[in-house]
Amino acid sequence: MPLLPTLSTLFIVVSAVFVAFGWILIVKNKRESHRKVMIAAAISALTFFIIYLSRTVFVGNTSFGGPDDIKIYYTIFLIFHIFLATVGAVFGLVTLTLAFKRNIKKHRKIGPITSIIWFCTAITGVAVYLLLYIIYDGGTTTSMIKAIFGT
Protein backbone atom coordinates (compact mmCIF):
# COMPACT_ATOMS: atom_id res chain seq x y z
CA MET A 1 0.00 0.00 0.00
CA PRO A 2 1.42 3.40 -0.92
CA LEU A 3 2.10 5.49 2.18
CA LEU A 4 0.86 8.98 1.28
CA PRO A 5 -2.39 7.97 -0.46
CA THR A 6 -3.16 5.56 2.37
CA LEU A 7 -2.41 8.22 4.98
CA SER A 8 -4.46 10.91 3.25
CA THR A 9 -7.40 8.51 2.81
CA LEU A 10 -7.17 7.61 6.48
CA PHE A 11 -7.44 11.29 7.44
CA ILE A 12 -10.53 11.84 5.29
CA VAL A 13 -12.19 8.80 6.88
CA VAL A 14 -11.24 10.06 10.35
CA SER A 15 -12.76 13.45 9.52
CA ALA A 16 -16.03 11.78 8.46
CA VAL A 17 -16.10 9.72 11.67
CA PHE A 18 -15.61 12.93 13.69
CA VAL A 19 -18.46 14.56 11.75
CA ALA A 20 -20.70 11.59 12.58
CA PHE A 21 -19.81 11.87 16.28
CA GLY A 22 -20.35 15.62 16.11
CA TRP A 23 -23.82 15.07 14.70
CA ILE A 24 -24.65 12.64 17.52
CA LEU A 25 -23.32 15.07 20.13
CA ILE A 26 -25.36 18.03 18.88
CA VAL A 27 -28.51 15.90 18.80
CA LYS A 28 -27.82 15.17 22.49
CA ASN A 29 -27.37 18.94 23.02
CA LYS A 30 -23.72 18.53 24.06
CA ARG A 31 -22.60 21.75 22.39
CA GLU A 32 -19.06 22.04 23.78
CA SER A 33 -18.24 18.42 22.90
CA HIS A 34 -19.80 18.98 19.46
CA ARG A 35 -17.59 22.03 18.93
CA LYS A 36 -14.41 20.14 19.88
CA VAL A 37 -15.22 17.13 17.73
CA MET A 38 -16.08 19.28 14.73
CA ILE A 39 -12.81 21.18 15.09
CA ALA A 40 -11.05 17.80 15.13
CA ALA A 41 -12.97 16.90 11.97
CA ALA A 42 -11.83 20.12 10.30
CA ILE A 43 -8.20 19.53 11.36
CA SER A 44 -8.38 15.98 9.99
CA ALA A 45 -9.79 17.24 6.69
CA LEU A 46 -7.11 19.94 6.51
CA THR A 47 -4.41 17.33 7.21
CA PHE A 48 -5.83 15.25 4.34
CA PHE A 49 -5.71 18.29 2.06
CA ILE A 50 -2.11 19.17 2.99
CA ILE A 51 -0.94 15.59 2.35
CA TYR A 52 -2.92 15.35 -0.90
CA LEU A 53 -1.75 18.73 -2.21
CA SER A 54 1.89 18.05 -1.26
CA ARG A 55 1.79 14.68 -2.97
CA THR A 56 0.10 16.15 -6.05
CA VAL A 57 2.70 18.90 -6.41
CA PHE A 58 5.89 17.00 -5.54
CA VAL A 59 5.18 13.34 -6.35
CA GLY A 60 2.17 13.53 -8.65
CA ASN A 61 -1.07 11.72 -9.10
CA THR A 62 -1.35 8.11 -10.09
CA SER A 63 -3.30 7.31 -13.23
CA PHE A 64 -5.88 4.52 -13.31
CA GLY A 65 -4.19 1.19 -13.92
CA GLY A 66 -7.27 -0.97 -14.27
CA PRO A 67 -8.78 -2.40 -17.45
CA ASP A 68 -9.29 0.02 -20.33
CA ASP A 69 -12.94 -0.99 -20.71
CA ILE A 70 -13.83 0.46 -17.29
CA LYS A 71 -11.48 3.46 -17.37
CA ILE A 72 -14.26 5.78 -18.59
CA TYR A 73 -16.46 4.75 -15.65
CA TYR A 74 -13.61 5.32 -13.22
CA THR A 75 -12.96 8.75 -14.76
CA ILE A 76 -16.63 9.77 -14.49
CA PHE A 77 -16.69 8.54 -10.88
CA LEU A 78 -13.46 10.44 -10.12
CA ILE A 79 -14.89 13.66 -11.58
CA PHE A 80 -18.02 13.17 -9.45
CA HIS A 81 -15.82 12.66 -6.37
CA ILE A 82 -13.76 15.78 -7.13
CA PHE A 83 -16.96 17.80 -7.56
CA LEU A 84 -18.34 16.48 -4.26
CA ALA A 85 -15.05 17.17 -2.47
CA THR A 86 -14.93 20.73 -3.77
CA VAL A 87 -18.55 21.42 -2.82
CA GLY A 88 -18.01 19.73 0.54
CA ALA A 89 -14.94 21.84 1.27
CA VAL A 90 -16.77 25.07 0.45
CA PHE A 91 -19.77 24.03 2.52
CA GLY A 92 -17.42 23.00 5.33
CA LEU A 93 -15.70 26.39 5.39
CA VAL A 94 -19.04 28.20 5.34
CA THR A 95 -20.45 25.97 8.10
CA LEU A 96 -17.38 26.48 10.29
CA THR A 97 -17.41 30.23 9.68
CA LEU A 98 -21.06 30.45 10.66
CA ALA A 99 -20.34 28.51 13.86
CA PHE A 100 -17.34 30.64 14.83
CA LYS A 101 -19.30 33.82 14.13
CA ARG A 102 -22.07 32.41 16.36
CA ASN A 103 -24.62 32.56 13.56
CA ILE A 104 -26.20 29.41 14.94
CA LYS A 105 -29.51 29.75 13.10
CA LYS A 106 -27.82 29.49 9.67
CA HIS A 107 -25.26 27.00 11.00
CA ARG A 108 -28.08 24.64 12.02
CA LYS A 109 -29.60 24.84 8.53
CA ILE A 110 -26.42 24.24 6.55
CA GLY A 111 -24.65 21.85 8.96
CA PRO A 112 -26.68 18.73 8.16
CA ILE A 113 -26.32 19.37 4.41
CA THR A 114 -22.58 19.81 4.82
CA SER A 115 -22.34 16.59 6.82
CA ILE A 116 -24.18 14.55 4.19
CA ILE A 117 -21.98 15.95 1.42
CA TRP A 118 -18.90 15.16 3.53
CA PHE A 119 -20.02 11.57 4.16
CA CYS A 120 -20.54 11.09 0.43
CA THR A 121 -17.13 12.64 -0.26
CA ALA A 122 -15.43 10.30 2.20
CA ILE A 123 -17.18 7.24 0.78
CA THR A 124 -16.36 8.11 -2.83
CA GLY A 125 -12.80 9.01 -1.78
CA VAL A 126 -12.29 5.58 -0.25
CA ALA A 127 -13.75 4.01 -3.40
CA VAL A 128 -11.30 5.97 -5.58
CA TYR A 129 -8.43 4.86 -3.32
CA LEU A 130 -9.55 1.22 -3.50
CA LEU A 131 -9.88 1.32 -7.30
CA LEU A 132 -6.56 3.09 -7.74
CA TYR A 133 -4.34 1.22 -5.29
CA ILE A 134 -6.00 -1.94 -3.95
CA ILE A 135 -8.33 -3.50 -6.54
CA TYR A 136 -6.09 -2.57 -9.49
CA ASP A 137 -2.43 -1.70 -9.70
CA GLY A 138 -1.92 2.03 -10.06
CA GLY A 139 -0.82 3.42 -13.38
CA THR A 140 2.01 5.85 -13.93
CA THR A 141 2.73 8.72 -11.54
CA THR A 142 4.25 12.03 -12.54
CA SER A 143 4.67 15.13 -10.44
CA MET A 144 3.09 18.40 -11.42
CA ILE A 145 6.55 20.00 -11.19
CA LYS A 146 8.00 17.44 -13.62
CA ALA A 147 5.01 17.74 -15.92
CA ILE A 148 5.35 21.54 -16.02
CA PHE A 149 9.13 21.87 -16.23
CA GLY A 150 9.93 18.60 -17.95
CA THR A 151 12.59 17.58 -15.43
C-alpha atoms as a PDB file:
ATOM      1  CA  MET A   1       0.000   0.000   0.000  1.00  0.00           C
ATOM      2  CA  PRO A   2       1.417   3.402  -0.923  1.00  0.00           C
ATOM      3  CA  LEU A   3       2.099   5.490   2.181  1.00  0.00           C
ATOM      4  CA  LEU A   4       0.863   8.984   1.282  1.00  0.00           C
ATOM      5  CA  PRO A   5      -2.390   7.971  -0.464  1.00  0.00           C
ATOM      6  CA  THR A   6      -3.155   5.562   2.373  1.00  0.00           C
ATOM      7  CA  LEU A   7      -2.411   8.221   4.980  1.00  0.00           C
ATOM      8  CA  SER A   8      -4.464  10.907   3.247  1.00  0.00           C
ATOM      9  CA  THR A   9      -7.403   8.514   2.809  1.00  0.00           C
ATOM     10  CA  LEU A  10      -7.166   7.606   6.480  1.00  0.00           C
ATOM     11  CA  PHE A  11      -7.439  11.287   7.445  1.00  0.00           C
ATOM     12  CA  ILE A  12     -10.526  11.839   5.288  1.00  0.00           C
ATOM     13  CA  VAL A  13     -12.188   8.798   6.875  1.00  0.00           C
ATOM     14  CA  VAL A  14     -11.245  10.060  10.352  1.00  0.00           C
ATOM     15  CA  SER A  15     -12.763  13.454   9.518  1.00  0.00           C
ATOM     16  CA  ALA A  16     -16.031  11.783   8.460  1.00  0.00           C
ATOM     17  CA  VAL A  17     -16.098   9.725  11.668  1.00  0.00           C
ATOM     18  CA  PHE A  18     -15.608  12.925  13.690  1.00  0.00           C
ATOM     19  CA  VAL A  19     -18.458  14.563  11.749  1.00  0.00           C
ATOM     20  CA  ALA A  20     -20.699  11.595  12.584  1.00  0.00           C
ATOM     21  CA  PHE A  21     -19.813  11.866  16.284  1.00  0.00           C
ATOM     22  CA  GLY A  22     -20.351  15.625  16.109  1.00  0.00           C
ATOM     23  CA  TRP A  23     -23.817  15.070  14.703  1.00  0.00           C
ATOM     24  CA  ILE A  24     -24.651  12.637  17.524  1.00  0.00           C
ATOM     25  CA  LEU A  25     -23.324  15.072  20.132  1.00  0.00           C
ATOM     26  CA  ILE A  26     -25.356  18.031  18.878  1.00  0.00           C
ATOM     27  CA  VAL A  27     -28.514  15.904  18.804  1.00  0.00           C
ATOM     28  CA  LYS A  28     -27.818  15.172  22.487  1.00  0.00           C
ATOM     29  CA  ASN A  29     -27.368  18.945  23.020  1.00  0.00           C
ATOM     30  CA  LYS A  30     -23.716  18.529  24.056  1.00  0.00           C
ATOM     31  CA  ARG A  31     -22.598  21.749  22.389  1.00  0.00           C
ATOM     32  CA  GLU A  32     -19.065  22.036  23.779  1.00  0.00           C
ATOM     33  CA  SER A  33     -18.244  18.419  22.898  1.00  0.00           C
ATOM     34  CA  HIS A  34     -19.798  18.985  19.456  1.00  0.00           C
ATOM     35  CA  ARG A  35     -17.587  22.033  18.926  1.00  0.00           C
ATOM     36  CA  LYS A  36     -14.414  20.144  19.881  1.00  0.00           C
ATOM     37  CA  VAL A  37     -15.220  17.129  17.728  1.00  0.00           C
ATOM     38  CA  MET A  38     -16.082  19.275  14.728  1.00  0.00           C
ATOM     39  CA  ILE A  39     -12.810  21.184  15.092  1.00  0.00           C
ATOM     40  CA  ALA A  40     -11.048  17.805  15.134  1.00  0.00           C
ATOM     41  CA  ALA A  41     -12.970  16.895  11.969  1.00  0.00           C
ATOM     42  CA  ALA A  42     -11.828  20.123  10.303  1.00  0.00           C
ATOM     43  CA  ILE A  43      -8.204  19.530  11.360  1.00  0.00           C
ATOM     44  CA  SER A  44      -8.375  15.977   9.990  1.00  0.00           C
ATOM     45  CA  ALA A  45      -9.790  17.239   6.692  1.00  0.00           C
ATOM     46  CA  LEU A  46      -7.106  19.940   6.511  1.00  0.00           C
ATOM     47  CA  THR A  47      -4.414  17.331   7.205  1.00  0.00           C
ATOM     48  CA  PHE A  48      -5.826  15.251   4.342  1.00  0.00           C
ATOM     49  CA  PHE A  49      -5.709  18.285   2.057  1.00  0.00           C
ATOM     50  CA  ILE A  50      -2.112  19.169   2.986  1.00  0.00           C
ATOM     51  CA  ILE A  51      -0.943  15.587   2.346  1.00  0.00           C
ATOM     52  CA  TYR A  52      -2.923  15.354  -0.895  1.00  0.00           C
ATOM     53  CA  LEU A  53      -1.749  18.731  -2.206  1.00  0.00           C
ATOM     54  CA  SER A  54       1.891  18.052  -1.258  1.00  0.00           C
ATOM     55  CA  ARG A  55       1.788  14.684  -2.973  1.00  0.00           C
ATOM     56  CA  THR A  56       0.100  16.153  -6.046  1.00  0.00           C
ATOM     57  CA  VAL A  57       2.698  18.898  -6.407  1.00  0.00           C
ATOM     58  CA  PHE A  58       5.886  17.001  -5.536  1.00  0.00           C
ATOM     59  CA  VAL A  59       5.177  13.339  -6.346  1.00  0.00           C
ATOM     60  CA  GLY A  60       2.171  13.535  -8.653  1.00  0.00           C
ATOM     61  CA  ASN A  61      -1.071  11.718  -9.098  1.00  0.00           C
ATOM     62  CA  THR A  62      -1.348   8.106 -10.089  1.00  0.00           C
ATOM     63  CA  SER A  63      -3.297   7.309 -13.230  1.00  0.00           C
ATOM     64  CA  PHE A  64      -5.880   4.524 -13.310  1.00  0.00           C
ATOM     65  CA  GLY A  65      -4.185   1.191 -13.922  1.00  0.00           C
ATOM     66  CA  GLY A  66      -7.271  -0.966 -14.268  1.00  0.00           C
ATOM     67  CA  PRO A  67      -8.777  -2.397 -17.453  1.00  0.00           C
ATOM     68  CA  ASP A  68      -9.289   0.018 -20.334  1.00  0.00           C
ATOM     69  CA  ASP A  69     -12.939  -0.992 -20.715  1.00  0.00           C
ATOM     70  CA  ILE A  70     -13.832   0.464 -17.293  1.00  0.00           C
ATOM     71  CA  LYS A  71     -11.480   3.461 -17.374  1.00  0.00           C
ATOM     72  CA  ILE A  72     -14.260   5.777 -18.586  1.00  0.00           C
ATOM     73  CA  TYR A  73     -16.464   4.749 -15.651  1.00  0.00           C
ATOM     74  CA  TYR A  74     -13.611   5.324 -13.217  1.00  0.00           C
ATOM     75  CA  THR A  75     -12.964   8.749 -14.764  1.00  0.00           C
ATOM     76  CA  ILE A  76     -16.631   9.770 -14.486  1.00  0.00           C
ATOM     77  CA  PHE A  77     -16.694   8.539 -10.882  1.00  0.00           C
ATOM     78  CA  LEU A  78     -13.464  10.441 -10.121  1.00  0.00           C
ATOM     79  CA  ILE A  79     -14.887  13.665 -11.576  1.00  0.00           C
ATOM     80  CA  PHE A  80     -18.023  13.171  -9.446  1.00  0.00           C
ATOM     81  CA  HIS A  81     -15.820  12.663  -6.367  1.00  0.00           C
ATOM     82  CA  ILE A  82     -13.756  15.779  -7.126  1.00  0.00           C
ATOM     83  CA  PHE A  83     -16.955  17.799  -7.564  1.00  0.00           C
ATOM     84  CA  LEU A  84     -18.337  16.478  -4.262  1.00  0.00           C
ATOM     85  CA  ALA A  85     -15.051  17.170  -2.467  1.00  0.00           C
ATOM     86  CA  THR A  86     -14.933  20.735  -3.773  1.00  0.00           C
ATOM     87  CA  VAL A  87     -18.554  21.420  -2.824  1.00  0.00           C
ATOM     88  CA  GLY A  88     -18.008  19.729   0.539  1.00  0.00           C
ATOM     89  CA  ALA A  89     -14.939  21.837   1.271  1.00  0.00           C
ATOM     90  CA  VAL A  90     -16.766  25.067   0.450  1.00  0.00           C
ATOM     91  CA  PHE A  91     -19.774  24.027   2.520  1.00  0.00           C
ATOM     92  CA  GLY A  92     -17.422  22.997   5.332  1.00  0.00           C
ATOM     93  CA  LEU A  93     -15.703  26.387   5.386  1.00  0.00           C
ATOM     94  CA  VAL A  94     -19.044  28.203   5.340  1.00  0.00           C
ATOM     95  CA  THR A  95     -20.446  25.971   8.098  1.00  0.00           C
ATOM     96  CA  LEU A  96     -17.380  26.483  10.293  1.00  0.00           C
ATOM     97  CA  THR A  97     -17.406  30.229   9.679  1.00  0.00           C
ATOM     98  CA  LEU A  98     -21.065  30.449  10.657  1.00  0.00           C
ATOM     99  CA  ALA A  99     -20.336  28.510  13.859  1.00  0.00           C
ATOM    100  CA  PHE A 100     -17.337  30.638  14.825  1.00  0.00           C
ATOM    101  CA  LYS A 101     -19.303  33.819  14.128  1.00  0.00           C
ATOM    102  CA  ARG A 102     -22.065  32.408  16.365  1.00  0.00           C
ATOM    103  CA  ASN A 103     -24.622  32.559  13.560  1.00  0.00           C
ATOM    104  CA  ILE A 104     -26.196  29.410  14.940  1.00  0.00           C
ATOM    105  CA  LYS A 105     -29.515  29.747  13.096  1.00  0.00           C
ATOM    106  CA  LYS A 106     -27.816  29.490   9.673  1.00  0.00           C
ATOM    107  CA  HIS A 107     -25.257  27.002  10.999  1.00  0.00           C
ATOM    108  CA  ARG A 108     -28.080  24.636  12.015  1.00  0.00           C
ATOM    109  CA  LYS A 109     -29.597  24.840   8.535  1.00  0.00           C
ATOM    110  CA  ILE A 110     -26.422  24.242   6.554  1.00  0.00           C
ATOM    111  CA  GLY A 111     -24.648  21.853   8.965  1.00  0.00           C
ATOM    112  CA  PRO A 112     -26.675  18.725   8.156  1.00  0.00           C
ATOM    113  CA  ILE A 113     -26.322  19.367   4.408  1.00  0.00           C
ATOM    114  CA  THR A 114     -22.575  19.805   4.823  1.00  0.00           C
ATOM    115  CA  SER A 115     -22.344  16.586   6.822  1.00  0.00           C
ATOM    116  CA  ILE A 116     -24.178  14.546   4.194  1.00  0.00           C
ATOM    117  CA  ILE A 117     -21.979  15.951   1.425  1.00  0.00           C
ATOM    118  CA  TRP A 118     -18.901  15.158   3.529  1.00  0.00           C
ATOM    119  CA  PHE A 119     -20.020  11.570   4.162  1.00  0.00           C
ATOM    120  CA  CYS A 120     -20.539  11.089   0.426  1.00  0.00           C
ATOM    121  CA  THR A 121     -17.126  12.644  -0.258  1.00  0.00           C
ATOM    122  CA  ALA A 122     -15.426  10.300   2.204  1.00  0.00           C
ATOM    123  CA  ILE A 123     -17.181   7.235   0.779  1.00  0.00           C
ATOM    124  CA  THR A 124     -16.359   8.105  -2.825  1.00  0.00           C
ATOM    125  CA  GLY A 125     -12.795   9.008  -1.777  1.00  0.00           C
ATOM    126  CA  VAL A 126     -12.295   5.580  -0.246  1.00  0.00           C
ATOM    127  CA  ALA A 127     -13.754   4.012  -3.402  1.00  0.00           C
ATOM    128  CA  VAL A 128     -11.299   5.970  -5.576  1.00  0.00           C
ATOM    129  CA  TYR A 129      -8.434   4.856  -3.318  1.00  0.00           C
ATOM    130  CA  LEU A 130      -9.546   1.216  -3.501  1.00  0.00           C
ATOM    131  CA  LEU A 131      -9.884   1.325  -7.299  1.00  0.00           C
ATOM    132  CA  LEU A 132      -6.561   3.091  -7.742  1.00  0.00           C
ATOM    133  CA  TYR A 133      -4.336   1.220  -5.292  1.00  0.00           C
ATOM    134  CA  ILE A 134      -5.997  -1.943  -3.951  1.00  0.00           C
ATOM    135  CA  ILE A 135      -8.328  -3.495  -6.537  1.00  0.00           C
ATOM    136  CA  TYR A 136      -6.092  -2.574  -9.490  1.00  0.00           C
ATOM    137  CA  ASP A 137      -2.431  -1.703  -9.696  1.00  0.00           C
ATOM    138  CA  GLY A 138      -1.924   2.033 -10.058  1.00  0.00           C
ATOM    139  CA  GLY A 139      -0.823   3.419 -13.384  1.00  0.00           C
ATOM    140  CA  THR A 140       2.011   5.846 -13.925  1.00  0.00           C
ATOM    141  CA  THR A 141       2.735   8.717 -11.542  1.00  0.00           C
ATOM    142  CA  THR A 142       4.248  12.030 -12.544  1.00  0.00           C
ATOM    143  CA  SER A 143       4.665  15.131 -10.439  1.00  0.00           C
ATOM    144  CA  MET A 144       3.090  18.403 -11.423  1.00  0.00           C
ATOM    145  CA  ILE A 145       6.552  19.998 -11.187  1.00  0.00           C
ATOM    146  CA  LYS A 146       8.004  17.438 -13.618  1.00  0.00           C
ATOM    147  CA  ALA A 147       5.013  17.743 -15.916  1.00  0.00           C
ATOM    148  CA  ILE A 148       5.351  21.536 -16.022  1.00  0.00           C
ATOM    149  CA  PHE A 149       9.126  21.871 -16.234  1.00  0.00           C
ATOM    150  CA  GLY A 150       9.932  18.597 -17.947  1.00  0.00           C
ATOM    151  CA  THR A 151      12.585  17.580 -15.430  1.00  0.00           C
END
